[in-house]
PDB file of N, CA and C in Angstrom:
ATOM      1  N   UNK A   1       7.792 -23.657 -11.676  1.00  0.00           N
ATOM      2  CA  UNK A   1       7.960 -23.794 -13.100  1.00  0.00           C
ATOM      3  C   UNK A   1       9.426 -24.072 -13.388  1.00  0.00           C
ATOM      4  N   UNK A   2       9.651 -24.931 -14.317  1.00  0.00           N
ATOM      5  CA  UNK A   2      11.012 -25.267 -14.696  1.00  0.00           C
ATOM      6  C   UNK A   2      11.280 -24.796 -16.118  1.00  0.00           C
ATOM      7  N   UNK A   3      12.410 -24.105 -16.345  1.00  0.00           N
ATOM      8  CA  UNK A   3      12.736 -23.696 -17.713  1.00  0.00           C
ATOM      9  C   UNK A   3      13.134 -24.912 -18.539  1.00  0.00           C
ATOM     10  N   UNK A   4      12.771 -24.881 -19.789  1.00  0.00           N
ATOM     11  CA  UNK A   4      13.132 -25.955 -20.694  1.00  0.00           C
ATOM     12  C   UNK A   4      13.529 -25.387 -22.035  1.00  0.00           C
ATOM     13  N   UNK A   5      13.856 -26.250 -22.957  1.00  0.00           N
ATOM     14  CA  UNK A   5      14.296 -25.820 -24.280  1.00  0.00           C
ATOM     15  C   UNK A   5      13.206 -25.028 -24.996  1.00  0.00           C
ATOM     16  N   UNK A   6      11.954 -25.344 -24.718  1.00  0.00           N
ATOM     17  CA  UNK A   6      10.852 -24.693 -25.422  1.00  0.00           C
ATOM     18  C   UNK A   6      10.073 -23.736 -24.529  1.00  0.00           C
ATOM     19  N   UNK A   7      10.589 -23.396 -23.365  1.00  0.00           N
ATOM     20  CA  UNK A   7       9.884 -22.474 -22.481  1.00  0.00           C
ATOM     21  C   UNK A   7       9.848 -22.992 -21.069  1.00  0.00           C
ATOM     22  N   UNK A   8       8.693 -22.874 -20.417  1.00  0.00           N
ATOM     23  CA  UNK A   8       8.539 -23.297 -19.035  1.00  0.00           C
ATOM     24  C   UNK A   8       7.495 -24.389 -18.944  1.00  0.00           C
ATOM     25  N   UNK A   9       7.688 -25.249 -17.986  1.00  0.00           N
ATOM     26  CA  UNK A   9       6.741 -26.332 -17.752  1.00  0.00           C
ATOM     27  C   UNK A   9       6.281 -26.251 -16.307  1.00  0.00           C
ATOM     28  N   UNK A  10       4.975 -26.204 -16.112  1.00  0.00           N
ATOM     29  CA  UNK A  10       4.410 -26.198 -14.781  1.00  0.00           C
ATOM     30  C   UNK A  10       4.561 -27.595 -14.202  1.00  0.00           C
ATOM     31  N   UNK A  11       5.162 -27.689 -13.045  1.00  0.00           N
ATOM     32  CA  UNK A  11       5.436 -29.008 -12.477  1.00  0.00           C
ATOM     33  C   UNK A  11       4.664 -29.268 -11.194  1.00  0.00           C
ATOM     34  N   UNK A  12       3.773 -28.395 -10.836  1.00  0.00           N
ATOM     35  CA  UNK A  12       2.957 -28.605  -9.645  1.00  0.00           C
ATOM     36  C   UNK A  12       1.564 -28.068  -9.891  1.00  0.00           C
ATOM     37  N   UNK A  13       0.682 -28.255  -8.938  1.00  0.00           N
ATOM     38  CA  UNK A  13      -0.695 -27.775  -9.016  1.00  0.00           C
ATOM     39  C   UNK A  13      -1.480 -28.397 -10.165  1.00  0.00           C
ATOM     40  N   UNK A  14      -1.149 -29.612 -10.541  1.00  0.00           N
ATOM     41  CA  UNK A  14      -1.925 -30.322 -11.545  1.00  0.00           C
ATOM     42  C   UNK A  14      -2.728 -31.397 -10.841  1.00  0.00           C
ATOM     43  N   UNK A  15      -3.942 -31.631 -11.311  1.00  0.00           N
ATOM     44  CA  UNK A  15      -4.762 -32.684 -10.720  1.00  0.00           C
ATOM     45  C   UNK A  15      -4.128 -34.048 -10.939  1.00  0.00           C
ATOM     46  N   UNK A  16      -3.592 -34.234 -12.139  1.00  0.00           N
ATOM     47  CA  UNK A  16      -2.975 -35.512 -12.477  1.00  0.00           C
ATOM     48  C   UNK A  16      -1.991 -35.292 -13.616  1.00  0.00           C
ATOM     49  N   UNK A  17      -1.203 -36.308 -13.912  1.00  0.00           N
ATOM     50  CA  UNK A  17      -0.255 -36.212 -15.025  1.00  0.00           C
ATOM     51  C   UNK A  17      -0.993 -35.992 -16.345  1.00  0.00           C
ATOM     52  N   UNK A  18      -2.191 -36.533 -16.453  1.00  0.00           N
ATOM     53  CA  UNK A  18      -2.975 -36.381 -17.681  1.00  0.00           C
ATOM     54  C   UNK A  18      -3.488 -34.958 -17.870  1.00  0.00           C
ATOM     55  N   UNK A  19      -3.494 -34.157 -16.802  1.00  0.00           N
ATOM     56  CA  UNK A  19      -4.014 -32.791 -16.933  1.00  0.00           C
ATOM     57  C   UNK A  19      -2.977 -31.809 -17.461  1.00  0.00           C
ATOM     58  N   UNK A  20      -1.735 -32.236 -17.623  1.00  0.00           N
ATOM     59  CA  UNK A  20      -0.683 -31.363 -18.164  1.00  0.00           C
ATOM     60  C   UNK A  20      -1.007 -31.026 -19.620  1.00  0.00           C
ATOM     61  N   UNK A  21      -0.827 -29.768 -19.980  1.00  0.00           N
ATOM     62  CA  UNK A  21      -1.107 -29.308 -21.337  1.00  0.00           C
ATOM     63  C   UNK A  21       0.045 -28.469 -21.852  1.00  0.00           C
ATOM     64  N   UNK A  22       0.234 -28.486 -23.156  1.00  0.00           N
ATOM     65  CA  UNK A  22       1.197 -27.611 -23.806  1.00  0.00           C
ATOM     66  C   UNK A  22       0.416 -26.486 -24.463  1.00  0.00           C
ATOM     67  N   UNK A  23       0.860 -25.268 -24.216  1.00  0.00           N
ATOM     68  CA  UNK A  23       0.225 -24.107 -24.829  1.00  0.00           C
ATOM     69  C   UNK A  23       1.219 -23.503 -25.805  1.00  0.00           C
ATOM     70  N   UNK A  24       0.840 -23.440 -27.062  1.00  0.00           N
ATOM     71  CA  UNK A  24       1.705 -22.878 -28.095  1.00  0.00           C
ATOM     72  C   UNK A  24       1.389 -21.393 -28.246  1.00  0.00           C
ATOM     73  N   UNK A  25       2.415 -20.578 -28.172  1.00  0.00           N
ATOM     74  CA  UNK A  25       2.254 -19.128 -28.298  1.00  0.00           C
ATOM     75  C   UNK A  25       3.058 -18.609 -29.478  1.00  0.00           C
ATOM     76  N   UNK A  26       2.503 -17.595 -30.133  1.00  0.00           N
ATOM     77  CA  UNK A  26       3.236 -16.966 -31.218  1.00  0.00           C
ATOM     78  C   UNK A  26       4.337 -16.071 -30.630  1.00  0.00           C
ATOM     79  N   UNK A  27       5.269 -15.636 -31.462  1.00  0.00           N
ATOM     80  CA  UNK A  27       6.411 -14.839 -30.996  1.00  0.00           C
ATOM     81  C   UNK A  27       5.984 -13.525 -30.353  1.00  0.00           C
ATOM     82  N   UNK A  28       4.948 -12.911 -30.878  1.00  0.00           N
ATOM     83  CA  UNK A  28       4.476 -11.645 -30.322  1.00  0.00           C
ATOM     84  C   UNK A  28       3.988 -11.841 -28.881  1.00  0.00           C
ATOM     85  N   UNK A  29       3.220 -12.881 -28.647  1.00  0.00           N
ATOM     86  CA  UNK A  29       2.728 -13.163 -27.293  1.00  0.00           C
ATOM     87  C   UNK A  29       3.880 -13.460 -26.348  1.00  0.00           C
ATOM     88  N   UNK A  30       4.850 -14.215 -26.810  1.00  0.00           N
ATOM     89  CA  UNK A  30       6.022 -14.526 -25.981  1.00  0.00           C
ATOM     90  C   UNK A  30       6.779 -13.245 -25.648  1.00  0.00           C
ATOM     91  N   UNK A  31       6.916 -12.340 -26.621  1.00  0.00           N
ATOM     92  CA  UNK A  31       7.613 -11.074 -26.377  1.00  0.00           C
ATOM     93  C   UNK A  31       6.874 -10.241 -25.331  1.00  0.00           C
ATOM     94  N   UNK A  32       5.547 -10.218 -25.396  1.00  0.00           N
ATOM     95  CA  UNK A  32       4.756  -9.470 -24.416  1.00  0.00           C
ATOM     96  C   UNK A  32       4.924 -10.082 -23.027  1.00  0.00           C
ATOM     97  N   UNK A  33       4.902 -11.395 -22.933  1.00  0.00           N
ATOM     98  CA  UNK A  33       5.078 -12.053 -21.634  1.00  0.00           C
ATOM     99  C   UNK A  33       6.479 -11.833 -21.082  1.00  0.00           C
ATOM    100  N   UNK A  34       7.475 -11.806 -21.939  1.00  0.00           N
ATOM    101  CA  UNK A  34       8.840 -11.526 -21.467  1.00  0.00           C
ATOM    102  C   UNK A  34       8.951 -10.086 -20.966  1.00  0.00           C
ATOM    103  N   UNK A  35       8.284  -9.152 -21.646  1.00  0.00           N
ATOM    104  CA  UNK A  35       8.275  -7.764 -21.174  1.00  0.00           C
ATOM    105  C   UNK A  35       7.574  -7.690 -19.821  1.00  0.00           C
ATOM    106  N   UNK A  36       6.492  -8.420 -19.666  1.00  0.00           N
ATOM    107  CA  UNK A  36       5.780  -8.440 -18.391  1.00  0.00           C
ATOM    108  C   UNK A  36       6.677  -9.007 -17.289  1.00  0.00           C
ATOM    109  N   UNK A  37       7.481 -10.009 -17.625  1.00  0.00           N
ATOM    110  CA  UNK A  37       8.409 -10.573 -16.645  1.00  0.00           C
ATOM    111  C   UNK A  37       9.427  -9.513 -16.203  1.00  0.00           C
ATOM    112  N   UNK A  38       9.908  -8.708 -17.147  1.00  0.00           N
ATOM    113  CA  UNK A  38      10.837  -7.630 -16.794  1.00  0.00           C
ATOM    114  C   UNK A  38      10.146  -6.584 -15.917  1.00  0.00           C
ATOM    115  N   UNK A  39       8.881  -6.304 -16.208  1.00  0.00           N
ATOM    116  CA  UNK A  39       8.112  -5.361 -15.399  1.00  0.00           C
ATOM    117  C   UNK A  39       7.973  -5.874 -13.970  1.00  0.00           C
ATOM    118  N   UNK A  40       7.652  -7.152 -13.830  1.00  0.00           N
ATOM    119  CA  UNK A  40       7.519  -7.753 -12.496  1.00  0.00           C
ATOM    120  C   UNK A  40       8.865  -7.762 -11.778  1.00  0.00           C
ATOM    121  N   UNK A  41       9.941  -8.058 -12.511  1.00  0.00           N
ATOM    122  CA  UNK A  41      11.279  -8.030 -11.903  1.00  0.00           C
ATOM    123  C   UNK A  41      11.591  -6.635 -11.360  1.00  0.00           C
ATOM    124  N   UNK A  42      11.215  -5.611 -12.105  1.00  0.00           N
ATOM    125  CA  UNK A  42      11.425  -4.238 -11.658  1.00  0.00           C
ATOM    126  C   UNK A  42      10.588  -3.911 -10.431  1.00  0.00           C
ATOM    127  N   UNK A  43       9.337  -4.378 -10.420  1.00  0.00           N
ATOM    128  CA  UNK A  43       8.463  -4.149  -9.268  1.00  0.00           C
ATOM    129  C   UNK A  43       9.015  -4.857  -8.032  1.00  0.00           C
ATOM    130  N   UNK A  44       9.547  -6.052  -8.234  1.00  0.00           N
ATOM    131  CA  UNK A  44      10.135  -6.816  -7.123  1.00  0.00           C
ATOM    132  C   UNK A  44      11.330  -6.060  -6.553  1.00  0.00           C
ATOM    133  N   UNK A  45      12.183  -5.538  -7.424  1.00  0.00           N
ATOM    134  CA  UNK A  45      13.367  -4.804  -6.970  1.00  0.00           C
ATOM    135  C   UNK A  45      12.951  -3.517  -6.246  1.00  0.00           C
ATOM    136  N   UNK A  46      11.919  -2.848  -6.749  1.00  0.00           N
ATOM    137  CA  UNK A  46      11.460  -1.605  -6.128  1.00  0.00           C
ATOM    138  C   UNK A  46      10.786  -1.861  -4.783  1.00  0.00           C
ATOM    139  N   UNK A  47      10.106  -3.006  -4.660  1.00  0.00           N
ATOM    140  CA  UNK A  47       9.382  -3.306  -3.423  1.00  0.00           C
ATOM    141  C   UNK A  47      10.330  -3.678  -2.293  1.00  0.00           C
ATOM    142  N   UNK A  48      11.438  -4.316  -2.637  1.00  0.00           N
ATOM    143  CA  UNK A  48      12.383  -4.726  -1.599  1.00  0.00           C
ATOM    144  C   UNK A  48      11.835  -5.832  -0.725  1.00  0.00           C
ATOM    145  N   UNK A  49      12.029  -5.714   0.569  1.00  0.00           N
ATOM    146  CA  UNK A  49      11.644  -6.763   1.508  1.00  0.00           C
ATOM    147  C   UNK A  49      10.150  -7.069   1.552  1.00  0.00           C
ATOM    148  N   UNK A  50       9.254  -6.085   1.383  1.00  0.00           N
ATOM    149  CA  UNK A  50       7.831  -6.424   1.481  1.00  0.00           C
ATOM    150  C   UNK A  50       7.324  -7.357   0.372  1.00  0.00           C
ATOM    151  N   UNK A  51       8.121  -7.557  -0.667  1.00  0.00           N
ATOM    152  CA  UNK A  51       7.676  -8.381  -1.801  1.00  0.00           C
ATOM    153  C   UNK A  51       7.510  -9.831  -1.366  1.00  0.00           C
ATOM    154  N   UNK A  52       6.371 -10.412  -1.737  1.00  0.00           N
ATOM    155  CA  UNK A  52       6.111 -11.817  -1.465  1.00  0.00           C
ATOM    156  C   UNK A  52       6.138 -12.551  -2.802  1.00  0.00           C
ATOM    157  N   UNK A  53       7.197 -13.274  -3.056  1.00  0.00           N
ATOM    158  CA  UNK A  53       7.396 -13.891  -4.369  1.00  0.00           C
ATOM    159  C   UNK A  53       6.617 -15.191  -4.497  1.00  0.00           C
ATOM    160  N   UNK A  54       5.643 -15.177  -5.401  1.00  0.00           N
ATOM    161  CA  UNK A  54       4.844 -16.365  -5.703  1.00  0.00           C
ATOM    162  C   UNK A  54       5.027 -16.779  -7.165  1.00  0.00           C
ATOM    163  N   UNK A  55       6.006 -16.159  -7.844  1.00  0.00           N
ATOM    164  CA  UNK A  55       6.300 -16.471  -9.245  1.00  0.00           C
ATOM    165  C   UNK A  55       5.070 -16.277 -10.138  1.00  0.00           C
ATOM    166  N   UNK A  56       4.391 -15.143  -9.945  1.00  0.00           N
ATOM    167  CA  UNK A  56       3.178 -14.854 -10.702  1.00  0.00           C
ATOM    168  C   UNK A  56       3.486 -13.989 -11.925  1.00  0.00           C
ATOM    169  N   UNK A  57       2.666 -14.121 -12.946  1.00  0.00           N
ATOM    170  CA  UNK A  57       2.828 -13.314 -14.156  1.00  0.00           C
ATOM    171  C   UNK A  57       2.260 -11.914 -13.949  1.00  0.00           C
ATOM    172  N   UNK A  58       1.128 -11.812 -13.266  1.00  0.00           N
ATOM    173  CA  UNK A  58       0.477 -10.534 -13.021  1.00  0.00           C
ATOM    174  C   UNK A  58       0.165 -10.389 -11.533  1.00  0.00           C
ATOM    175  N   UNK A  59       1.204 -10.166 -10.718  1.00  0.00           N
ATOM    176  CA  UNK A  59       0.971 -10.043  -9.275  1.00  0.00           C
ATOM    177  C   UNK A  59       0.470  -8.651  -8.888  1.00  0.00           C
ATOM    178  N   UNK A  60      -0.005  -8.557  -7.645  1.00  0.00           N
ATOM    179  CA  UNK A  60      -0.304  -7.240  -7.076  1.00  0.00           C
ATOM    180  C   UNK A  60       1.027  -6.533  -6.836  1.00  0.00           C
ATOM    181  N   UNK A  61       0.972  -5.290  -6.373  1.00  0.00           N
ATOM    182  CA  UNK A  61       2.184  -4.501  -6.151  1.00  0.00           C
ATOM    183  C   UNK A  61       3.107  -5.097  -5.099  1.00  0.00           C
ATOM    184  N   UNK A  62       2.572  -5.978  -4.242  1.00  0.00           N
ATOM    185  CA  UNK A  62       3.398  -6.615  -3.209  1.00  0.00           C
ATOM    186  C   UNK A  62       3.803  -8.038  -3.586  1.00  0.00           C
ATOM    187  N   UNK A  63       3.465  -8.481  -4.806  1.00  0.00           N
ATOM    188  CA  UNK A  63       3.837  -9.803  -5.273  1.00  0.00           C
ATOM    189  C   UNK A  63       2.807 -10.879  -5.015  1.00  0.00           C
ATOM    190  N   UNK A  64       1.730 -10.552  -4.312  1.00  0.00           N
ATOM    191  CA  UNK A  64       0.707 -11.544  -3.949  1.00  0.00           C
ATOM    192  C   UNK A  64      -0.328 -11.730  -5.060  1.00  0.00           C
ATOM    193  N   UNK A  65      -1.164 -12.757  -4.850  1.00  0.00           N
ATOM    194  CA  UNK A  65      -2.272 -13.060  -5.747  1.00  0.00           C
ATOM    195  C   UNK A  65      -3.311 -11.951  -5.686  1.00  0.00           C
ATOM    196  N   UNK A  66      -3.981 -11.740  -6.795  1.00  0.00           N
ATOM    197  CA  UNK A  66      -5.138 -10.864  -6.812  1.00  0.00           C
ATOM    198  C   UNK A  66      -6.337 -11.643  -6.281  1.00  0.00           C
ATOM    199  N   UNK A  67      -7.239 -10.958  -5.636  1.00  0.00           N
ATOM    200  CA  UNK A  67      -8.491 -11.548  -5.192  1.00  0.00           C
ATOM    201  C   UNK A  67      -9.410 -11.615  -6.421  1.00  0.00           C
ATOM    202  N   UNK A  68      -9.870 -12.792  -6.845  1.00  0.00           N
ATOM    203  CA  UNK A  68     -10.681 -12.886  -8.069  1.00  0.00           C
ATOM    204  C   UNK A  68     -11.871 -11.930  -8.126  1.00  0.00           C
ATOM    205  N   UNK A  69     -12.657 -11.756  -7.054  1.00  0.00           N
ATOM    206  CA  UNK A  69     -13.746 -10.777  -7.157  1.00  0.00           C
ATOM    207  C   UNK A  69     -13.247  -9.352  -7.408  1.00  0.00           C
ATOM    208  N   UNK A  70     -12.065  -9.020  -6.924  1.00  0.00           N
ATOM    209  CA  UNK A  70     -11.506  -7.691  -7.174  1.00  0.00           C
ATOM    210  C   UNK A  70     -11.199  -7.511  -8.655  1.00  0.00           C
ATOM    211  N   UNK A  71     -10.738  -8.568  -9.310  1.00  0.00           N
ATOM    212  CA  UNK A  71     -10.455  -8.504 -10.745  1.00  0.00           C
ATOM    213  C   UNK A  71     -11.751  -8.288 -11.515  1.00  0.00           C
ATOM    214  N   UNK A  72     -12.788  -9.030 -11.136  1.00  0.00           N
ATOM    215  CA  UNK A  72     -14.091  -8.887 -11.790  1.00  0.00           C
ATOM    216  C   UNK A  72     -14.617  -7.469 -11.634  1.00  0.00           C
ATOM    217  N   UNK A  73     -14.503  -6.925 -10.441  1.00  0.00           N
ATOM    218  CA  UNK A  73     -14.964  -5.565 -10.177  1.00  0.00           C
ATOM    219  C   UNK A  73     -14.171  -4.540 -10.996  1.00  0.00           C
ATOM    220  N   UNK A  74     -12.857  -4.689 -11.023  1.00  0.00           N
ATOM    221  CA  UNK A  74     -12.008  -3.758 -11.787  1.00  0.00           C
ATOM    222  C   UNK A  74     -12.318  -3.856 -13.279  1.00  0.00           C
ATOM    223  N   UNK A  75     -12.547  -5.067 -13.772  1.00  0.00           N
ATOM    224  CA  UNK A  75     -12.876  -5.245 -15.184  1.00  0.00           C
ATOM    225  C   UNK A  75     -14.204  -4.561 -15.507  1.00  0.00           C
ATOM    226  N   UNK A  76     -15.181  -4.726 -14.638  1.00  0.00           N
ATOM    227  CA  UNK A  76     -16.479  -4.070 -14.840  1.00  0.00           C
ATOM    228  C   UNK A  76     -16.343  -2.564 -14.895  1.00  0.00           C
ATOM    229  N   UNK A  77     -15.504  -2.007 -14.020  1.00  0.00           N
ATOM    230  CA  UNK A  77     -15.265  -0.558 -14.029  1.00  0.00           C
ATOM    231  C   UNK A  77     -14.585  -0.121 -15.324  1.00  0.00           C
ATOM    232  N   UNK A  78     -13.640  -0.914 -15.786  1.00  0.00           N
ATOM    233  CA  UNK A  78     -12.931  -0.578 -17.030  1.00  0.00           C
ATOM    234  C   UNK A  78     -13.875  -0.614 -18.224  1.00  0.00           C
ATOM    235  N   UNK A  79     -14.760  -1.613 -18.254  1.00  0.00           N
ATOM    236  CA  UNK A  79     -15.746  -1.713 -19.337  1.00  0.00           C
ATOM    237  C   UNK A  79     -16.648  -0.488 -19.326  1.00  0.00           C
ATOM    238  N   UNK A  80     -17.110  -0.116 -18.141  1.00  0.00           N
ATOM    239  CA  UNK A  80     -17.989   1.055 -18.023  1.00  0.00           C
ATOM    240  C   UNK A  80     -17.267   2.327 -18.453  1.00  0.00           C
ATOM    241  N   UNK A  81     -16.017   2.500 -18.008  1.00  0.00           N
ATOM    242  CA  UNK A  81     -15.240   3.697 -18.355  1.00  0.00           C
ATOM    243  C   UNK A  81     -14.963   3.764 -19.850  1.00  0.00           C
ATOM    244  N   UNK A  82     -14.767   2.611 -20.475  1.00  0.00           N
ATOM    245  CA  UNK A  82     -14.487   2.569 -21.915  1.00  0.00           C
ATOM    246  C   UNK A  82     -15.753   2.718 -22.748  1.00  0.00           C
ATOM    247  N   UNK A  83     -16.903   2.631 -22.095  1.00  0.00           N
ATOM    248  CA  UNK A  83     -18.200   2.740 -22.769  1.00  0.00           C
ATOM    249  C   UNK A  83     -18.346   1.730 -23.896  1.00  0.00           C
ATOM    250  N   UNK A  84     -17.955   0.513 -23.583  1.00  0.00           N
ATOM    251  CA  UNK A  84     -18.144  -0.599 -24.521  1.00  0.00           C
ATOM    252  C   UNK A  84     -19.162  -1.555 -23.909  1.00  0.00           C
ATOM    253  N   UNK A  85     -19.811  -2.363 -24.724  1.00  0.00           N
ATOM    254  CA  UNK A  85     -20.806  -3.279 -24.173  1.00  0.00           C
ATOM    255  C   UNK A  85     -20.168  -4.328 -23.271  1.00  0.00           C
ATOM    256  N   UNK A  86     -20.850  -4.635 -22.185  1.00  0.00           N
ATOM    257  CA  UNK A  86     -20.417  -5.710 -21.287  1.00  0.00           C
ATOM    258  C   UNK A  86     -20.889  -7.014 -21.903  1.00  0.00           C
ATOM    259  N   UNK A  87     -19.958  -7.917 -22.147  1.00  0.00           N
ATOM    260  CA  UNK A  87     -20.266  -9.208 -22.731  1.00  0.00           C
ATOM    261  C   UNK A  87     -20.138 -10.254 -21.641  1.00  0.00           C
ATOM    262  N   UNK A  88     -21.187 -10.988 -21.383  1.00  0.00           N
ATOM    263  CA  UNK A  88     -21.191 -12.010 -20.341  1.00  0.00           C
ATOM    264  C   UNK A  88     -21.442 -13.356 -21.004  1.00  0.00           C
ATOM    265  N   UNK A  89     -20.577 -14.321 -20.708  1.00  0.00           N
ATOM    266  CA  UNK A  89     -20.724 -15.644 -21.320  1.00  0.00           C
ATOM    267  C   UNK A  89     -21.455 -16.620 -20.409  1.00  0.00           C
ATOM    268  N   UNK A  90     -21.839 -16.160 -19.233  1.00  0.00           N
ATOM    269  CA  UNK A  90     -22.518 -17.066 -18.289  1.00  0.00           C
ATOM    270  C   UNK A  90     -24.021 -16.876 -18.397  1.00  0.00           C
TER     271      UNK A  90
END
């Protein structure tokens, strides 16, 4: 990602130039994402050498990607613990 005047621009992992999109965020969302960046920076500093930097917004404790099925499982557990209805769009 490259910083720009209006934020960051993803410069890789696009299928084509036509697949690039601009996402407009309100100030509150930007503030939350900046706080998350500070949280990740702190986790990186605390982890030291074991940290694997992939420039992720929500990394695991070691800096790596989450396994998608693990996220689904954790979300299901959170829904059950919160005793709210599970909403499935599929």
